[in-house]
């Protein structure tokens, strides 16, 4: 199971908006040194998209959550989204290589195979059980500021 930390930013009925907390694998990013991942992160900025989940828990803004996601669901989604377009590209390119002599035709066939694989992946992704890909709450830490006021 993959576990990430998030903070509640807003609540609207049963829907809760969360902001994921960034975790660094090493301390080099804070020192502006190290690998290229830190450089790409500085280039793109530290924007994060909010996550919406539906829950019956009584959560308030500032509460810290631990979210869990099944590793098998993540692998299945990754293989669907990334693997099928690549498989389509390779298969179409190989078929075109067997039947055509022109490199331009092979390149066009590979592009068409990639697009076909992408379309098939989006179709499969829409039919997958969305419940498997939804994060679920593993643990809740109430906002310390709210706790001290009570």
N, C-alpha and C. Protein backbone atom coordinates (compact mmCIF):
# COMPACT_ATOMS: atom_id res chain seq x y z
N UNK A 1 0.85 -1.17 0.00
CA UNK A 1 0.00 0.00 0.00
C UNK A 1 0.90 1.24 0.00
N UNK A 2 0.53 2.23 -0.79
CA UNK A 2 1.24 3.49 -0.86
C UNK A 2 0.51 4.47 0.05
N UNK A 3 1.27 5.15 0.91
CA UNK A 3 0.67 6.08 1.86
C UNK A 3 1.26 7.46 1.64
N UNK A 4 0.38 8.47 1.56
CA UNK A 4 0.77 9.87 1.40
C UNK A 4 0.05 10.70 2.46
N UNK A 5 0.65 11.82 2.81
CA UNK A 5 0.06 12.73 3.78
C UNK A 5 -0.61 13.89 3.06
N UNK A 6 -1.78 14.30 3.55
CA UNK A 6 -2.52 15.40 2.94
C UNK A 6 -3.14 16.24 4.04
N UNK A 7 -3.44 17.50 3.71
CA UNK A 7 -4.10 18.41 4.65
C UNK A 7 -5.44 18.82 4.05
N UNK A 8 -6.47 18.83 4.88
CA UNK A 8 -7.80 19.25 4.45
C UNK A 8 -7.78 20.76 4.24
N UNK A 9 -8.19 21.20 3.05
CA UNK A 9 -8.24 22.64 2.77
C UNK A 9 -9.66 23.18 2.77
N UNK A 10 -10.64 22.31 2.43
CA UNK A 10 -12.02 22.77 2.35
C UNK A 10 -12.95 21.58 2.46
N UNK A 11 -14.14 21.82 2.99
CA UNK A 11 -15.15 20.77 3.07
C UNK A 11 -16.46 21.30 2.52
N UNK A 12 -17.13 20.47 1.71
CA UNK A 12 -18.41 20.83 1.14
C UNK A 12 -19.31 19.61 1.21
N UNK A 13 -20.06 19.51 2.29
CA UNK A 13 -20.90 18.33 2.50
C UNK A 13 -20.05 17.10 2.73
N UNK A 14 -20.22 16.09 1.87
CA UNK A 14 -19.41 14.87 1.99
C UNK A 14 -18.10 14.97 1.22
N UNK A 15 -17.95 15.99 0.37
CA UNK A 15 -16.72 16.17 -0.40
C UNK A 15 -15.70 16.95 0.41
N UNK A 16 -14.48 16.45 0.42
CA UNK A 16 -13.38 17.10 1.13
C UNK A 16 -12.27 17.36 0.12
N UNK A 17 -11.78 18.61 0.11
CA UNK A 17 -10.66 18.96 -0.76
C UNK A 17 -9.37 18.84 0.02
N UNK A 18 -8.40 18.14 -0.55
CA UNK A 18 -7.13 17.88 0.12
C UNK A 18 -5.97 18.43 -0.69
N UNK A 19 -4.92 18.81 0.01
CA UNK A 19 -3.67 19.21 -0.63
C UNK A 19 -2.60 18.25 -0.15
N UNK A 20 -1.96 17.56 -1.11
CA UNK A 20 -0.92 16.61 -0.76
C UNK A 20 0.32 17.33 -0.26
N UNK A 21 0.98 16.75 0.73
CA UNK A 21 2.23 17.28 1.24
C UNK A 21 3.37 16.66 0.45
N UNK A 22 4.28 17.49 -0.03
CA UNK A 22 5.42 16.98 -0.81
C UNK A 22 6.41 16.32 0.11
N UNK A 23 6.82 15.12 -0.28
CA UNK A 23 7.85 14.40 0.45
C UNK A 23 9.08 14.31 -0.43
N UNK A 24 10.21 14.66 0.11
CA UNK A 24 11.46 14.56 -0.63
C UNK A 24 12.16 13.29 -0.19
N UNK A 25 12.78 12.59 -1.13
CA UNK A 25 13.46 11.36 -0.78
C UNK A 25 14.79 11.63 -0.09
N UNK A 26 15.33 12.82 -0.28
CA UNK A 26 16.58 13.17 0.39
C UNK A 26 16.55 14.64 0.75
N UNK A 27 17.50 15.10 1.51
CA UNK A 27 17.55 16.48 1.93
C UNK A 27 18.23 17.41 0.95
N UNK A 28 18.65 16.92 -0.20
CA UNK A 28 19.40 17.74 -1.14
C UNK A 28 18.54 18.82 -1.80
N UNK A 29 17.26 18.58 -1.96
CA UNK A 29 16.41 19.59 -2.62
C UNK A 29 16.36 20.88 -1.81
N UNK A 30 16.33 20.76 -0.49
CA UNK A 30 16.31 21.95 0.35
C UNK A 30 17.63 22.71 0.26
N UNK A 31 18.71 22.04 -0.08
CA UNK A 31 20.02 22.67 -0.17
C UNK A 31 20.32 23.18 -1.57
N UNK A 32 19.35 23.02 -2.50
CA UNK A 32 19.52 23.40 -3.91
C UNK A 32 20.68 22.69 -4.56
N UNK A 33 20.90 21.45 -4.20
CA UNK A 33 21.94 20.63 -4.79
C UNK A 33 21.32 19.33 -5.27
N UNK A 34 22.15 18.47 -5.80
CA UNK A 34 21.73 17.10 -6.05
C UNK A 34 21.25 16.84 -7.45
N UNK A 35 20.26 15.99 -7.55
CA UNK A 35 19.84 15.39 -8.81
C UNK A 35 19.04 16.35 -9.69
N UNK A 36 18.75 15.89 -10.88
CA UNK A 36 17.99 16.68 -11.84
C UNK A 36 16.52 16.80 -11.48
N UNK A 37 16.01 15.89 -10.65
CA UNK A 37 14.61 15.97 -10.25
C UNK A 37 14.34 17.26 -9.49
N UNK A 38 15.27 17.64 -8.62
CA UNK A 38 15.12 18.90 -7.89
C UNK A 38 15.14 20.09 -8.82
N UNK A 39 15.99 20.05 -9.84
CA UNK A 39 16.06 21.15 -10.82
C UNK A 39 14.76 21.26 -11.60
N UNK A 40 14.19 20.12 -12.00
CA UNK A 40 12.92 20.13 -12.72
C UNK A 40 11.81 20.65 -11.81
N UNK A 41 11.84 20.26 -10.54
CA UNK A 41 10.85 20.75 -9.59
C UNK A 41 10.92 22.26 -9.40
N UNK A 42 12.14 22.81 -9.35
CA UNK A 42 12.29 24.26 -9.23
C UNK A 42 11.83 24.95 -10.50
N UNK A 43 12.07 24.34 -11.65
CA UNK A 43 11.67 24.92 -12.92
C UNK A 43 10.16 24.97 -13.05
N UNK A 44 9.49 23.89 -12.71
CA UNK A 44 8.04 23.81 -12.84
C UNK A 44 7.29 24.43 -11.68
N UNK A 45 7.97 24.68 -10.58
CA UNK A 45 7.31 25.25 -9.42
C UNK A 45 6.71 24.18 -8.54
N UNK A 46 6.15 24.61 -7.45
CA UNK A 46 5.59 23.67 -6.47
C UNK A 46 4.07 23.74 -6.47
N UNK A 47 3.50 23.67 -7.68
CA UNK A 47 2.05 23.67 -7.78
C UNK A 47 1.53 22.26 -7.51
N UNK A 48 0.41 22.20 -6.85
CA UNK A 48 -0.21 20.89 -6.67
C UNK A 48 -1.70 21.04 -6.93
N UNK A 49 -2.26 20.02 -7.56
CA UNK A 49 -3.69 20.02 -7.82
C UNK A 49 -4.40 19.49 -6.57
N UNK A 50 -5.50 20.09 -6.21
CA UNK A 50 -6.24 19.55 -5.07
C UNK A 50 -6.88 18.21 -5.42
N UNK A 51 -7.05 17.40 -4.40
CA UNK A 51 -7.69 16.10 -4.55
C UNK A 51 -9.04 16.17 -3.85
N UNK A 52 -10.06 15.67 -4.49
CA UNK A 52 -11.38 15.61 -3.87
C UNK A 52 -11.71 14.17 -3.53
N UNK A 53 -12.08 13.94 -2.28
CA UNK A 53 -12.55 12.61 -1.89
C UNK A 53 -13.88 12.76 -1.17
N UNK A 54 -14.64 11.70 -1.20
CA UNK A 54 -15.93 11.67 -0.54
C UNK A 54 -15.77 10.88 0.76
N UNK A 55 -16.22 11.45 1.87
CA UNK A 55 -16.06 10.77 3.15
C UNK A 55 -17.18 11.15 4.11
N UNK A 56 -17.42 10.27 5.08
CA UNK A 56 -18.38 10.53 6.13
C UNK A 56 -17.70 11.04 7.40
N UNK A 57 -16.36 11.05 7.42
CA UNK A 57 -15.63 11.53 8.59
C UNK A 57 -15.89 13.02 8.79
N UNK A 58 -15.88 13.45 10.03
CA UNK A 58 -16.06 14.87 10.34
C UNK A 58 -14.71 15.56 10.29
N UNK A 59 -14.36 16.03 9.12
CA UNK A 59 -13.07 16.66 8.92
C UNK A 59 -13.24 18.16 8.77
N UNK A 60 -12.27 18.90 9.28
CA UNK A 60 -12.27 20.36 9.18
C UNK A 60 -10.98 20.81 8.51
N UNK A 61 -10.98 22.00 7.91
CA UNK A 61 -9.74 22.51 7.31
C UNK A 61 -8.60 22.53 8.33
N UNK A 62 -7.44 22.05 7.89
CA UNK A 62 -6.28 21.97 8.75
C UNK A 62 -6.01 20.57 9.28
N UNK A 63 -7.02 19.69 9.23
CA UNK A 63 -6.81 18.32 9.67
C UNK A 63 -5.82 17.63 8.73
N UNK A 64 -4.96 16.80 9.30
CA UNK A 64 -3.95 16.08 8.53
C UNK A 64 -4.41 14.63 8.37
N UNK A 65 -4.35 14.14 7.13
CA UNK A 65 -4.79 12.78 6.82
C UNK A 65 -3.64 11.96 6.26
N UNK A 66 -3.72 10.67 6.47
CA UNK A 66 -2.86 9.73 5.77
C UNK A 66 -3.76 9.00 4.79
N UNK A 67 -3.43 9.11 3.50
CA UNK A 67 -4.21 8.47 2.44
C UNK A 67 -3.49 7.23 1.95
N UNK A 68 -4.23 6.19 1.68
CA UNK A 68 -3.67 4.95 1.16
C UNK A 68 -4.20 4.67 -0.24
N UNK A 69 -3.36 4.02 -1.03
CA UNK A 69 -3.74 3.60 -2.38
C UNK A 69 -3.12 2.24 -2.64
N UNK A 70 -3.89 1.34 -3.17
CA UNK A 70 -3.43 -0.01 -3.46
C UNK A 70 -2.34 0.02 -4.53
N UNK A 71 -1.24 -0.67 -4.27
CA UNK A 71 -0.15 -0.72 -5.25
C UNK A 71 -0.58 -1.42 -6.53
N UNK A 72 -1.40 -2.46 -6.41
CA UNK A 72 -1.84 -3.18 -7.60
C UNK A 72 -2.71 -2.30 -8.49
N UNK A 73 -3.54 -1.44 -7.88
CA UNK A 73 -4.37 -0.53 -8.67
C UNK A 73 -3.50 0.49 -9.39
N UNK A 74 -2.45 0.97 -8.74
CA UNK A 74 -1.55 1.92 -9.36
C UNK A 74 -0.79 1.28 -10.53
N UNK A 75 -0.34 0.06 -10.35
CA UNK A 75 0.37 -0.64 -11.43
C UNK A 75 -0.56 -0.90 -12.60
N UNK A 76 -1.79 -1.33 -12.32
CA UNK A 76 -2.76 -1.60 -13.38
C UNK A 76 -3.07 -0.33 -14.17
N UNK A 77 -3.27 0.77 -13.47
CA UNK A 77 -3.57 2.04 -14.15
C UNK A 77 -2.36 2.52 -14.96
N UNK A 78 -1.16 2.37 -14.41
CA UNK A 78 0.05 2.81 -15.12
C UNK A 78 0.27 1.99 -16.38
N UNK A 79 0.09 0.68 -16.29
CA UNK A 79 0.25 -0.17 -17.47
C UNK A 79 -0.80 0.16 -18.53
N UNK A 80 -2.00 0.47 -18.10
CA UNK A 80 -3.04 0.82 -19.06
C UNK A 80 -2.72 2.14 -19.75
N UNK A 81 -2.39 3.15 -18.95
CA UNK A 81 -2.20 4.49 -19.51
C UNK A 81 -0.91 4.61 -20.31
N UNK A 82 0.18 4.02 -19.83
CA UNK A 82 1.46 4.16 -20.51
C UNK A 82 1.78 2.98 -21.43
N UNK A 83 1.43 1.78 -20.99
CA UNK A 83 1.83 0.59 -21.73
C UNK A 83 1.10 0.38 -23.03
N UNK A 84 -0.21 0.59 -23.05
CA UNK A 84 -0.98 0.33 -24.27
C UNK A 84 -0.58 1.24 -25.44
N UNK A 85 -0.41 2.55 -25.23
CA UNK A 85 0.06 3.36 -26.37
C UNK A 85 1.44 2.93 -26.88
N UNK A 86 2.34 2.61 -25.98
CA UNK A 86 3.67 2.16 -26.41
C UNK A 86 3.61 0.82 -27.13
N UNK A 87 2.78 -0.08 -26.62
CA UNK A 87 2.61 -1.38 -27.28
C UNK A 87 2.02 -1.20 -28.68
N UNK A 88 1.03 -0.31 -28.80
CA UNK A 88 0.45 -0.03 -30.11
C UNK A 88 1.47 0.55 -31.07
N UNK A 89 2.32 1.43 -30.57
CA UNK A 89 3.34 2.04 -31.42
C UNK A 89 4.34 1.00 -31.91
N UNK A 90 4.82 0.15 -31.00
CA UNK A 90 5.82 -0.86 -31.37
C UNK A 90 5.22 -1.88 -32.34
N UNK A 91 4.03 -2.37 -32.04
CA UNK A 91 3.41 -3.38 -32.91
C UNK A 91 3.12 -2.83 -34.30
N UNK A 92 2.57 -1.61 -34.37
CA UNK A 92 2.28 -1.03 -35.68
C UNK A 92 3.57 -0.76 -36.44
N UNK A 93 4.61 -0.32 -35.76
CA UNK A 93 5.90 -0.10 -36.41
C UNK A 93 6.51 -1.38 -36.94
N UNK A 94 6.41 -2.46 -36.16
CA UNK A 94 6.93 -3.74 -36.61
C UNK A 94 6.15 -4.29 -37.80
N UNK A 95 4.83 -4.17 -37.74
CA UNK A 95 4.02 -4.63 -38.87
C UNK A 95 4.34 -3.84 -40.13
N UNK A 96 4.50 -2.54 -39.99
CA UNK A 96 4.83 -1.72 -41.15
C UNK A 96 6.21 -2.07 -41.69
N UNK A 97 7.13 -2.44 -40.80
CA UNK A 97 8.47 -2.82 -41.23
C UNK A 97 8.41 -4.11 -42.06
N UNK A 98 7.54 -5.03 -41.67
CA UNK A 98 7.41 -6.29 -42.41
C UNK A 98 6.83 -6.10 -43.80
N UNK A 99 5.91 -5.12 -43.95
CA UNK A 99 5.19 -4.98 -45.21
C UNK A 99 5.60 -3.78 -46.06
N UNK A 100 6.40 -2.87 -45.53
CA UNK A 100 6.75 -1.67 -46.29
C UNK A 100 8.26 -1.47 -46.29
N UNK A 101 8.74 -0.83 -47.32
CA UNK A 101 10.17 -0.58 -47.41
C UNK A 101 10.53 0.85 -46.99
N UNK A 102 9.57 1.74 -46.98
CA UNK A 102 9.84 3.14 -46.70
C UNK A 102 9.86 3.41 -45.18
N UNK A 103 10.86 4.15 -44.73
CA UNK A 103 10.93 4.51 -43.31
C UNK A 103 9.82 5.48 -42.93
N UNK A 104 9.40 6.31 -43.87
CA UNK A 104 8.33 7.27 -43.61
C UNK A 104 7.03 6.53 -43.29
N UNK A 105 6.75 5.47 -44.03
CA UNK A 105 5.53 4.68 -43.77
C UNK A 105 5.62 4.01 -42.41
N UNK A 106 6.80 3.51 -42.04
CA UNK A 106 6.99 2.88 -40.73
C UNK A 106 6.75 3.91 -39.62
N UNK A 107 7.29 5.11 -39.80
CA UNK A 107 7.11 6.17 -38.79
C UNK A 107 5.65 6.56 -38.67
N UNK A 108 4.96 6.71 -39.79
CA UNK A 108 3.53 7.05 -39.76
C UNK A 108 2.71 5.93 -39.11
N UNK A 109 3.05 4.69 -39.42
CA UNK A 109 2.34 3.55 -38.81
C UNK A 109 2.57 3.52 -37.30
N UNK A 110 3.80 3.81 -36.88
CA UNK A 110 4.10 3.83 -35.44
C UNK A 110 3.29 4.92 -34.75
N UNK A 111 3.20 6.10 -35.37
CA UNK A 111 2.40 7.19 -34.80
C UNK A 111 0.92 6.80 -34.73
N UNK A 112 0.43 6.16 -35.79
CA UNK A 112 -0.97 5.72 -35.80
C UNK A 112 -1.21 4.65 -34.74
N UNK A 113 -0.24 3.75 -34.56
CA UNK A 113 -0.37 2.72 -33.53
C UNK A 113 -0.37 3.32 -32.13
N UNK A 114 0.47 4.35 -31.93
CA UNK A 114 0.49 5.04 -30.65
C UNK A 114 -0.86 5.69 -30.37
N UNK A 115 -1.42 6.37 -31.37
CA UNK A 115 -2.71 7.02 -31.21
C UNK A 115 -3.82 6.01 -30.95
N UNK A 116 -3.79 4.90 -31.67
CA UNK A 116 -4.80 3.84 -31.46
C UNK A 116 -4.67 3.25 -30.05
N UNK A 117 -3.44 3.02 -29.60
CA UNK A 117 -3.23 2.53 -28.25
C UNK A 117 -3.69 3.52 -27.20
N UNK A 118 -3.47 4.80 -27.46
CA UNK A 118 -3.93 5.85 -26.55
C UNK A 118 -5.46 5.86 -26.46
N UNK A 119 -6.12 5.79 -27.61
CA UNK A 119 -7.59 5.76 -27.61
C UNK A 119 -8.13 4.52 -26.89
N UNK A 120 -7.50 3.38 -27.11
CA UNK A 120 -7.92 2.15 -26.44
C UNK A 120 -7.68 2.27 -24.93
N UNK A 121 -6.57 2.88 -24.54
CA UNK A 121 -6.26 3.06 -23.11
C UNK A 121 -7.28 3.98 -22.45
N UNK A 122 -7.69 5.06 -23.13
CA UNK A 122 -8.69 5.95 -22.54
C UNK A 122 -10.03 5.24 -22.41
N UNK A 123 -10.37 4.40 -23.39
CA UNK A 123 -11.60 3.61 -23.29
C UNK A 123 -11.53 2.66 -22.10
N UNK A 124 -10.41 1.94 -21.97
CA UNK A 124 -10.27 1.01 -20.85
C UNK A 124 -10.26 1.74 -19.51
N UNK A 125 -9.61 2.89 -19.45
CA UNK A 125 -9.56 3.65 -18.20
C UNK A 125 -10.96 4.09 -17.78
N UNK A 126 -11.82 4.39 -18.74
CA UNK A 126 -13.18 4.81 -18.38
C UNK A 126 -14.01 3.63 -17.89
N UNK A 127 -13.64 2.40 -18.29
CA UNK A 127 -14.40 1.23 -17.85
C UNK A 127 -13.85 0.60 -16.58
N UNK A 128 -12.62 1.00 -16.19
CA UNK A 128 -12.05 0.45 -14.95
C UNK A 128 -12.86 0.90 -13.75
N UNK A 129 -12.83 0.12 -12.71
CA UNK A 129 -13.52 0.45 -11.48
C UNK A 129 -12.84 1.65 -10.84
N UNK A 130 -13.50 2.80 -10.87
CA UNK A 130 -12.91 4.02 -10.33
C UNK A 130 -12.69 3.93 -8.82
N UNK A 131 -13.42 3.07 -8.15
CA UNK A 131 -13.25 2.90 -6.71
C UNK A 131 -11.88 2.37 -6.34
N UNK A 132 -11.29 1.55 -7.23
CA UNK A 132 -9.96 1.02 -6.96
C UNK A 132 -8.91 2.12 -6.98
N UNK A 133 -9.12 3.14 -7.80
CA UNK A 133 -8.13 4.19 -7.96
C UNK A 133 -8.34 5.37 -7.01
N UNK A 134 -9.38 5.31 -6.20
CA UNK A 134 -9.62 6.37 -5.23
C UNK A 134 -8.80 6.13 -3.98
N UNK A 135 -8.10 7.16 -3.50
CA UNK A 135 -7.38 6.99 -2.23
C UNK A 135 -8.38 6.88 -1.09
N UNK A 136 -7.99 6.19 -0.04
CA UNK A 136 -8.85 6.04 1.12
C UNK A 136 -8.09 6.49 2.37
N UNK A 137 -8.84 6.89 3.37
CA UNK A 137 -8.25 7.44 4.58
C UNK A 137 -7.73 6.31 5.46
N UNK A 138 -6.44 6.39 5.80
CA UNK A 138 -5.81 5.40 6.67
C UNK A 138 -5.75 5.92 8.09
N UNK A 139 -5.45 7.22 8.24
CA UNK A 139 -5.35 7.82 9.57
C UNK A 139 -5.70 9.29 9.52
N UNK A 140 -6.18 9.82 10.67
CA UNK A 140 -6.57 11.22 10.78
C UNK A 140 -5.88 11.83 12.00
N UNK A 141 -5.28 13.00 11.81
CA UNK A 141 -4.74 13.79 12.91
C UNK A 141 -5.48 15.11 12.91
N UNK A 142 -6.21 15.37 14.00
CA UNK A 142 -7.01 16.58 14.09
C UNK A 142 -6.08 17.78 14.13
N UNK A 143 -6.50 18.89 13.53
CA UNK A 143 -5.73 20.12 13.50
C UNK A 143 -5.34 20.51 14.93
N UNK A 144 -4.04 20.62 15.23
CA UNK A 144 -3.60 20.93 16.60
C UNK A 144 -4.12 22.29 17.08
N UNK A 145 -4.30 23.26 16.19
CA UNK A 145 -4.81 24.57 16.61
C UNK A 145 -6.24 24.47 17.11
N UNK A 146 -7.05 23.64 16.43
CA UNK A 146 -8.43 23.46 16.86
C UNK A 146 -8.51 22.67 18.15
N UNK A 147 -7.60 21.73 18.35
CA UNK A 147 -7.59 20.91 19.55
C UNK A 147 -7.25 21.75 20.78
N UNK A 148 -6.33 22.70 20.66
CA UNK A 148 -5.90 23.50 21.80
C UNK A 148 -6.98 24.50 22.22
N UNK A 149 -7.87 24.90 21.30
CA UNK A 149 -8.93 25.85 21.62
C UNK A 149 -10.06 25.21 22.43
N UNK A 150 -10.23 23.89 22.31
CA UNK A 150 -11.35 23.22 22.98
C UNK A 150 -11.15 23.13 24.47
